[in-house]
Amino acid sequence: MNLRTLKSMLMRHEGTRLKPYKDTEGELTIGIGRNLDDVGVSLGEAGVMLDNDIERATSDVKSIFHDFDTFSENRQLALIDMMFNLGKTHFLEFHKMLDAIRGRNWERASEEMLNSKWAKQVGNRADELSEMVRKG
């Protein structure tokens, strides 16, 4: 069997959708016919997605803080984690936190993280990340 021919045929028949959608049977589907409701993703596939998402979150944080590489490792980890969770659009809504970080006022940045709807939504995660930002 020619795998290349099979892939080409499946791509032609299934199409390629990079965002989830409901197929004709109402099943959540993505990619080239991957039924997420029934098949989901493998641990390896989840790992690849995680690597890609970490790369995107890191790039997004670095685009905001050009001196990001000078931050302590704990602060880098906390900000990437927060970006990963929020996405760039919502991360950028933390104006006071961003200003505090730019001014290297880590105490205030930590407080601004906790003074948010996000902190109430994620609970212990916000507590941990704000402490990492505060302590460095």
N, C-alpha and C. Protein backbone atom coordinates (compact mmCIF):
# COMPACT_ATOMS: atom_id res chain seq x y z
N MET A 1 0.83 -1.18 0.00
CA MET A 1 0.00 0.00 0.00
C MET A 1 0.88 1.25 0.00
N ASN A 2 0.49 2.20 -0.80
CA ASN A 2 1.23 3.45 -0.91
C ASN A 2 0.65 4.44 0.11
N LEU A 3 1.41 4.70 1.19
CA LEU A 3 0.95 5.59 2.26
C LEU A 3 0.73 7.01 1.77
N ARG A 4 1.58 7.46 0.88
CA ARG A 4 1.46 8.81 0.33
C ARG A 4 0.13 8.97 -0.42
N THR A 5 -0.24 7.97 -1.20
CA THR A 5 -1.51 8.00 -1.93
C THR A 5 -2.69 8.00 -0.96
N LEU A 6 -2.61 7.17 0.09
CA LEU A 6 -3.67 7.11 1.08
C LEU A 6 -3.84 8.44 1.80
N LYS A 7 -2.73 9.05 2.20
CA LYS A 7 -2.79 10.35 2.87
C LYS A 7 -3.43 11.40 1.96
N SER A 8 -3.01 11.42 0.72
CA SER A 8 -3.55 12.38 -0.24
C SER A 8 -5.05 12.19 -0.42
N MET A 9 -5.47 10.93 -0.51
CA MET A 9 -6.88 10.63 -0.69
C MET A 9 -7.68 11.05 0.55
N LEU A 10 -7.17 10.73 1.75
CA LEU A 10 -7.86 11.11 2.98
C LEU A 10 -7.95 12.63 3.14
N MET A 11 -6.88 13.32 2.78
CA MET A 11 -6.89 14.79 2.87
C MET A 11 -7.92 15.37 1.90
N ARG A 12 -8.02 14.78 0.73
CA ARG A 12 -9.00 15.25 -0.26
C ARG A 12 -10.42 14.99 0.22
N HIS A 13 -10.66 13.81 0.79
CA HIS A 13 -12.00 13.44 1.22
C HIS A 13 -12.41 14.12 2.52
N GLU A 14 -11.51 14.20 3.45
CA GLU A 14 -11.82 14.74 4.78
C GLU A 14 -11.69 16.27 4.84
N GLY A 15 -10.78 16.82 4.05
CA GLY A 15 -10.46 18.23 4.18
C GLY A 15 -9.55 18.45 5.38
N THR A 16 -9.08 19.64 5.53
CA THR A 16 -8.20 19.99 6.64
C THR A 16 -8.78 21.19 7.36
N ARG A 17 -9.08 20.99 8.63
CA ARG A 17 -9.63 22.08 9.45
C ARG A 17 -8.75 22.20 10.69
N LEU A 18 -8.16 23.35 10.89
CA LEU A 18 -7.22 23.54 11.98
C LEU A 18 -7.87 24.01 13.27
N LYS A 19 -9.17 24.22 13.24
CA LYS A 19 -9.92 24.54 14.45
C LYS A 19 -11.04 23.52 14.58
N PRO A 20 -11.40 23.19 15.81
CA PRO A 20 -12.45 22.19 16.02
C PRO A 20 -13.77 22.60 15.37
N TYR A 21 -14.49 21.61 14.89
CA TYR A 21 -15.80 21.82 14.29
C TYR A 21 -16.64 20.58 14.54
N LYS A 22 -17.95 20.72 14.37
CA LYS A 22 -18.85 19.57 14.48
C LYS A 22 -19.02 18.98 13.09
N ASP A 23 -18.77 17.68 12.98
CA ASP A 23 -18.95 17.03 11.68
C ASP A 23 -20.44 16.79 11.42
N THR A 24 -20.75 16.10 10.34
CA THR A 24 -22.16 15.90 9.94
C THR A 24 -22.93 15.08 10.97
N GLU A 25 -22.24 14.35 11.82
CA GLU A 25 -22.89 13.56 12.87
C GLU A 25 -22.88 14.29 14.21
N GLY A 26 -22.34 15.53 14.22
CA GLY A 26 -22.29 16.31 15.46
C GLY A 26 -21.10 16.00 16.35
N GLU A 27 -20.15 15.24 15.82
CA GLU A 27 -18.95 14.88 16.58
C GLU A 27 -17.91 16.00 16.46
N LEU A 28 -17.27 16.32 17.57
CA LEU A 28 -16.21 17.32 17.57
C LEU A 28 -15.01 16.75 16.81
N THR A 29 -14.57 17.48 15.79
CA THR A 29 -13.56 16.99 14.86
C THR A 29 -12.52 18.08 14.64
N ILE A 30 -11.30 17.68 14.30
CA ILE A 30 -10.23 18.63 13.99
C ILE A 30 -9.24 17.99 13.04
N GLY A 31 -8.44 18.82 12.41
CA GLY A 31 -7.38 18.31 11.54
C GLY A 31 -7.93 17.70 10.28
N ILE A 32 -7.50 16.50 10.02
CA ILE A 32 -7.95 15.77 8.83
C ILE A 32 -8.85 14.63 9.33
N GLY A 33 -10.05 15.02 9.76
CA GLY A 33 -11.03 14.03 10.18
C GLY A 33 -10.82 13.39 11.54
N ARG A 34 -10.04 13.99 12.42
CA ARG A 34 -9.82 13.40 13.76
C ARG A 34 -11.05 13.66 14.62
N ASN A 35 -11.72 12.59 15.00
CA ASN A 35 -12.89 12.66 15.86
C ASN A 35 -12.41 12.80 17.30
N LEU A 36 -12.48 14.00 17.83
CA LEU A 36 -12.01 14.24 19.19
C LEU A 36 -12.92 13.62 20.23
N ASP A 37 -14.21 13.55 19.95
CA ASP A 37 -15.13 12.95 20.91
C ASP A 37 -14.82 11.48 21.15
N ASP A 38 -14.54 10.73 20.09
CA ASP A 38 -14.31 9.29 20.22
C ASP A 38 -12.84 8.92 20.36
N VAL A 39 -11.97 9.61 19.62
CA VAL A 39 -10.56 9.23 19.57
C VAL A 39 -9.70 10.09 20.49
N GLY A 40 -10.02 11.39 20.59
CA GLY A 40 -9.20 12.29 21.40
C GLY A 40 -7.81 12.45 20.79
N VAL A 41 -6.82 12.61 21.64
CA VAL A 41 -5.42 12.68 21.20
C VAL A 41 -4.61 11.75 22.08
N SER A 42 -3.49 11.30 21.55
CA SER A 42 -2.61 10.44 22.33
C SER A 42 -1.75 11.30 23.25
N LEU A 43 -1.12 10.66 24.20
CA LEU A 43 -0.22 11.37 25.11
C LEU A 43 0.91 12.04 24.32
N GLY A 44 1.42 11.35 23.30
CA GLY A 44 2.48 11.92 22.46
C GLY A 44 1.99 13.15 21.71
N GLU A 45 0.77 13.08 21.18
CA GLU A 45 0.20 14.23 20.46
C GLU A 45 -0.02 15.40 21.42
N ALA A 46 -0.49 15.11 22.63
CA ALA A 46 -0.68 16.16 23.64
C ALA A 46 0.66 16.81 23.98
N GLY A 47 1.72 16.00 24.03
CA GLY A 47 3.05 16.53 24.30
C GLY A 47 3.55 17.46 23.20
N VAL A 48 3.29 17.08 21.95
CA VAL A 48 3.67 17.93 20.82
C VAL A 48 2.91 19.25 20.87
N MET A 49 1.62 19.18 21.18
CA MET A 49 0.82 20.41 21.28
C MET A 49 1.33 21.28 22.43
N LEU A 50 1.69 20.65 23.55
CA LEU A 50 2.23 21.39 24.69
C LEU A 50 3.52 22.10 24.31
N ASP A 51 4.42 21.40 23.63
CA ASP A 51 5.67 22.02 23.19
C ASP A 51 5.40 23.22 22.30
N ASN A 52 4.47 23.08 21.37
CA ASN A 52 4.13 24.18 20.47
C ASN A 52 3.51 25.34 21.23
N ASP A 53 2.64 25.04 22.19
CA ASP A 53 1.99 26.09 22.96
C ASP A 53 2.98 26.82 23.87
N ILE A 54 3.94 26.09 24.43
CA ILE A 54 4.98 26.72 25.25
C ILE A 54 5.82 27.65 24.39
N GLU A 55 6.16 27.20 23.20
CA GLU A 55 6.95 28.03 22.28
C GLU A 55 6.20 29.32 21.94
N ARG A 56 4.90 29.21 21.67
CA ARG A 56 4.10 30.39 21.33
C ARG A 56 3.99 31.32 22.53
N ALA A 57 3.72 30.79 23.72
CA ALA A 57 3.57 31.61 24.93
C ALA A 57 4.89 32.33 25.24
N THR A 58 6.00 31.63 25.10
CA THR A 58 7.31 32.23 25.35
C THR A 58 7.57 33.36 24.36
N SER A 59 7.30 33.12 23.11
CA SER A 59 7.48 34.14 22.07
C SER A 59 6.60 35.35 22.35
N ASP A 60 5.37 35.11 22.77
CA ASP A 60 4.45 36.22 23.06
C ASP A 60 4.96 37.06 24.23
N VAL A 61 5.44 36.42 25.30
CA VAL A 61 5.96 37.17 26.44
C VAL A 61 7.19 37.97 26.03
N LYS A 62 8.06 37.35 25.25
CA LYS A 62 9.27 38.04 24.80
C LYS A 62 8.95 39.23 23.90
N SER A 63 7.84 39.16 23.18
CA SER A 63 7.45 40.28 22.32
C SER A 63 6.98 41.48 23.14
N ILE A 64 6.56 41.23 24.37
CA ILE A 64 6.09 42.29 25.26
C ILE A 64 7.23 42.85 26.10
N PHE A 65 8.08 41.98 26.59
CA PHE A 65 9.22 42.38 27.43
C PHE A 65 10.52 42.06 26.70
N HIS A 66 11.10 43.05 26.08
CA HIS A 66 12.31 42.84 25.28
C HIS A 66 13.51 42.47 26.15
N ASP A 67 13.43 42.74 27.46
CA ASP A 67 14.50 42.37 28.39
C ASP A 67 14.13 41.10 29.17
N PHE A 68 13.19 40.34 28.65
CA PHE A 68 12.69 39.13 29.32
C PHE A 68 13.82 38.20 29.74
N ASP A 69 14.84 38.06 28.91
CA ASP A 69 15.94 37.14 29.21
C ASP A 69 16.74 37.56 30.44
N THR A 70 16.55 38.80 30.90
CA THR A 70 17.26 39.25 32.11
C THR A 70 16.45 38.98 33.37
N PHE A 71 15.19 38.56 33.23
CA PHE A 71 14.36 38.24 34.40
C PHE A 71 14.87 36.95 35.02
N SER A 72 14.63 36.79 36.32
CA SER A 72 15.00 35.54 36.98
C SER A 72 14.21 34.38 36.35
N GLU A 73 14.73 33.19 36.51
CA GLU A 73 14.05 32.02 35.93
C GLU A 73 12.63 31.87 36.48
N ASN A 74 12.44 32.08 37.78
CA ASN A 74 11.10 31.96 38.36
C ASN A 74 10.14 32.96 37.75
N ARG A 75 10.58 34.17 37.52
CA ARG A 75 9.72 35.18 36.91
C ARG A 75 9.40 34.82 35.46
N GLN A 76 10.39 34.32 34.75
CA GLN A 76 10.15 33.87 33.37
C GLN A 76 9.11 32.76 33.36
N LEU A 77 9.29 31.77 34.22
CA LEU A 77 8.36 30.64 34.26
C LEU A 77 6.94 31.10 34.60
N ALA A 78 6.82 31.99 35.58
CA ALA A 78 5.51 32.47 36.00
C ALA A 78 4.81 33.23 34.87
N LEU A 79 5.55 34.09 34.18
CA LEU A 79 4.94 34.89 33.11
C LEU A 79 4.56 34.03 31.91
N ILE A 80 5.38 33.04 31.59
CA ILE A 80 5.04 32.13 30.49
C ILE A 80 3.80 31.32 30.87
N ASP A 81 3.74 30.85 32.10
CA ASP A 81 2.58 30.08 32.56
C ASP A 81 1.31 30.93 32.46
N MET A 82 1.41 32.17 32.90
CA MET A 82 0.26 33.07 32.84
C MET A 82 -0.16 33.34 31.39
N MET A 83 0.81 33.57 30.52
CA MET A 83 0.53 33.79 29.10
C MET A 83 -0.11 32.55 28.49
N PHE A 84 0.42 31.40 28.82
CA PHE A 84 -0.11 30.12 28.34
C PHE A 84 -1.59 30.01 28.70
N ASN A 85 -1.92 30.36 29.93
CA ASN A 85 -3.29 30.24 30.42
C ASN A 85 -4.22 31.28 29.82
N LEU A 86 -3.77 32.51 29.71
CA LEU A 86 -4.63 33.62 29.29
C LEU A 86 -4.66 33.84 27.78
N GLY A 87 -3.55 33.59 27.11
CA GLY A 87 -3.40 34.02 25.73
C GLY A 87 -2.98 35.48 25.71
N LYS A 88 -2.40 35.91 24.60
CA LYS A 88 -1.80 37.24 24.53
C LYS A 88 -2.83 38.35 24.69
N THR A 89 -3.98 38.21 24.08
CA THR A 89 -5.00 39.27 24.15
C THR A 89 -5.38 39.57 25.59
N HIS A 90 -5.67 38.54 26.37
CA HIS A 90 -6.08 38.75 27.76
C HIS A 90 -4.90 39.12 28.65
N PHE A 91 -3.73 38.59 28.37
CA PHE A 91 -2.52 38.95 29.13
C PHE A 91 -2.27 40.45 29.03
N LEU A 92 -2.46 40.99 27.84
CA LEU A 92 -2.22 42.42 27.61
C LEU A 92 -3.22 43.32 28.34
N GLU A 93 -4.30 42.75 28.87
CA GLU A 93 -5.28 43.53 29.63
C GLU A 93 -4.79 43.85 31.04
N PHE A 94 -3.70 43.24 31.47
CA PHE A 94 -3.14 43.46 32.80
C PHE A 94 -2.21 44.67 32.76
N HIS A 95 -2.76 45.84 32.44
CA HIS A 95 -1.97 47.06 32.22
C HIS A 95 -1.11 47.43 33.42
N LYS A 96 -1.68 47.39 34.61
CA LYS A 96 -0.92 47.79 35.81
C LYS A 96 0.19 46.79 36.10
N MET A 97 -0.08 45.51 35.89
CA MET A 97 0.96 44.51 36.10
C MET A 97 2.09 44.71 35.09
N LEU A 98 1.73 44.94 33.84
CA LEU A 98 2.73 45.13 32.79
C LEU A 98 3.60 46.35 33.09
N ASP A 99 2.97 47.44 33.52
CA ASP A 99 3.73 48.64 33.87
C ASP A 99 4.67 48.37 35.04
N ALA A 100 4.18 47.64 36.04
CA ALA A 100 5.01 47.31 37.19
C ALA A 100 6.21 46.46 36.78
N ILE A 101 6.00 45.51 35.90
CA ILE A 101 7.11 44.66 35.44
C ILE A 101 8.12 45.51 34.67
N ARG A 102 7.63 46.36 33.81
CA ARG A 102 8.54 47.23 33.04
C ARG A 102 9.38 48.10 33.97
N GLY A 103 8.79 48.49 35.12
CA GLY A 103 9.51 49.29 36.11
C GLY A 103 10.26 48.45 37.12
N ARG A 104 10.26 47.14 36.91
CA ARG A 104 10.92 46.19 37.82
C ARG A 104 10.39 46.30 39.25
N ASN A 105 9.12 46.65 39.37
CA ASN A 105 8.45 46.70 40.66
C ASN A 105 7.71 45.37 40.84
N TRP A 106 8.45 44.38 41.25
CA TRP A 106 7.93 43.01 41.30
C TRP A 106 6.84 42.84 42.36
N GLU A 107 6.96 43.56 43.47
CA GLU A 107 5.94 43.50 44.52
C GLU A 107 4.59 43.96 43.96
N ARG A 108 4.60 45.10 43.28
CA ARG A 108 3.36 45.63 42.71
C ARG A 108 2.84 44.71 41.60
N ALA A 109 3.72 44.19 40.78
CA ALA A 109 3.30 43.27 39.72
C ALA A 109 2.58 42.06 40.32
N SER A 110 3.14 41.53 41.40
CA SER A 110 2.54 40.39 42.09
C SER A 110 1.15 40.75 42.60
N GLU A 111 1.03 41.92 43.19
CA GLU A 111 -0.27 42.36 43.72
C GLU A 111 -1.29 42.53 42.60
N GLU A 112 -0.86 43.07 41.49
CA GLU A 112 -1.78 43.27 40.36
C GLU A 112 -2.25 41.94 39.76
N MET A 113 -1.39 40.94 39.80
CA MET A 113 -1.80 39.61 39.34
C MET A 113 -2.97 39.11 40.19
N LEU A 114 -2.87 39.32 41.50
CA LEU A 114 -3.89 38.81 42.42
C LEU A 114 -5.15 39.67 42.42
N ASN A 115 -5.01 40.91 42.00
CA ASN A 115 -6.14 41.83 41.99
C ASN A 115 -6.86 41.74 40.64
N SER A 116 -7.37 40.56 40.34
CA SER A 116 -7.95 40.34 39.02
C SER A 116 -9.01 39.24 39.06
N LYS A 117 -9.86 39.27 38.07
CA LYS A 117 -10.85 38.20 37.89
C LYS A 117 -10.13 36.88 37.63
N TRP A 118 -9.04 36.95 36.87
CA TRP A 118 -8.25 35.76 36.56
C TRP A 118 -7.82 35.03 37.84
N ALA A 119 -7.33 35.80 38.83
CA ALA A 119 -6.85 35.18 40.07
C ALA A 119 -7.98 34.43 40.77
N LYS A 120 -9.17 34.99 40.74
CA LYS A 120 -10.32 34.31 41.35
C LYS A 120 -10.67 33.03 40.58
N GLN A 121 -10.49 33.08 39.27
CA GLN A 121 -10.84 31.92 38.44
C GLN A 121 -9.85 30.77 38.62
N VAL A 122 -8.57 31.08 38.75
CA VAL A 122 -7.56 30.02 38.77
C VAL A 122 -7.04 29.70 40.17
N GLY A 123 -7.43 30.48 41.16
CA GLY A 123 -7.13 30.18 42.56
C GLY A 123 -5.66 29.99 42.89
N ASN A 124 -5.31 28.78 43.30
CA ASN A 124 -3.94 28.49 43.76
C ASN A 124 -2.89 28.77 42.69
N ARG A 125 -3.26 28.60 41.46
CA ARG A 125 -2.32 28.88 40.37
C ARG A 125 -1.87 30.33 40.42
N ALA A 126 -2.82 31.25 40.60
CA ALA A 126 -2.49 32.68 40.68
C ALA A 126 -1.64 32.96 41.91
N ASP A 127 -1.96 32.33 43.03
CA ASP A 127 -1.18 32.52 44.25
C ASP A 127 0.27 32.10 44.02
N GLU A 128 0.46 30.94 43.42
CA GLU A 128 1.80 30.43 43.16
C GLU A 128 2.57 31.32 42.19
N LEU A 129 1.93 31.70 41.09
CA LEU A 129 2.62 32.51 40.08
C LEU A 129 2.95 33.90 40.61
N SER A 130 2.03 34.51 41.35
CA SER A 130 2.31 35.85 41.87
C SER A 130 3.46 35.80 42.88
N GLU A 131 3.53 34.75 43.66
CA GLU A 131 4.63 34.60 44.61
C GLU A 131 5.96 34.42 43.88
N MET A 132 5.94 33.68 42.78
CA MET A 132 7.16 33.50 41.97
C MET A 132 7.63 34.85 41.41
N VAL A 133 6.68 35.67 40.97
CA VAL A 133 7.01 36.99 40.44
C VAL A 133 7.55 37.87 41.56
N ARG A 134 6.92 37.82 42.70
CA ARG A 134 7.33 38.67 43.83
C ARG A 134 8.74 38.32 44.32
N LYS A 135 8.98 37.03 44.55
CA LYS A 135 10.26 36.60 45.11
C LYS A 135 11.39 36.52 44.10
N GLY A 136 11.01 36.25 42.83
CA GLY A 136 12.04 36.09 41.83
C GLY A 136 12.66 34.75 41.94
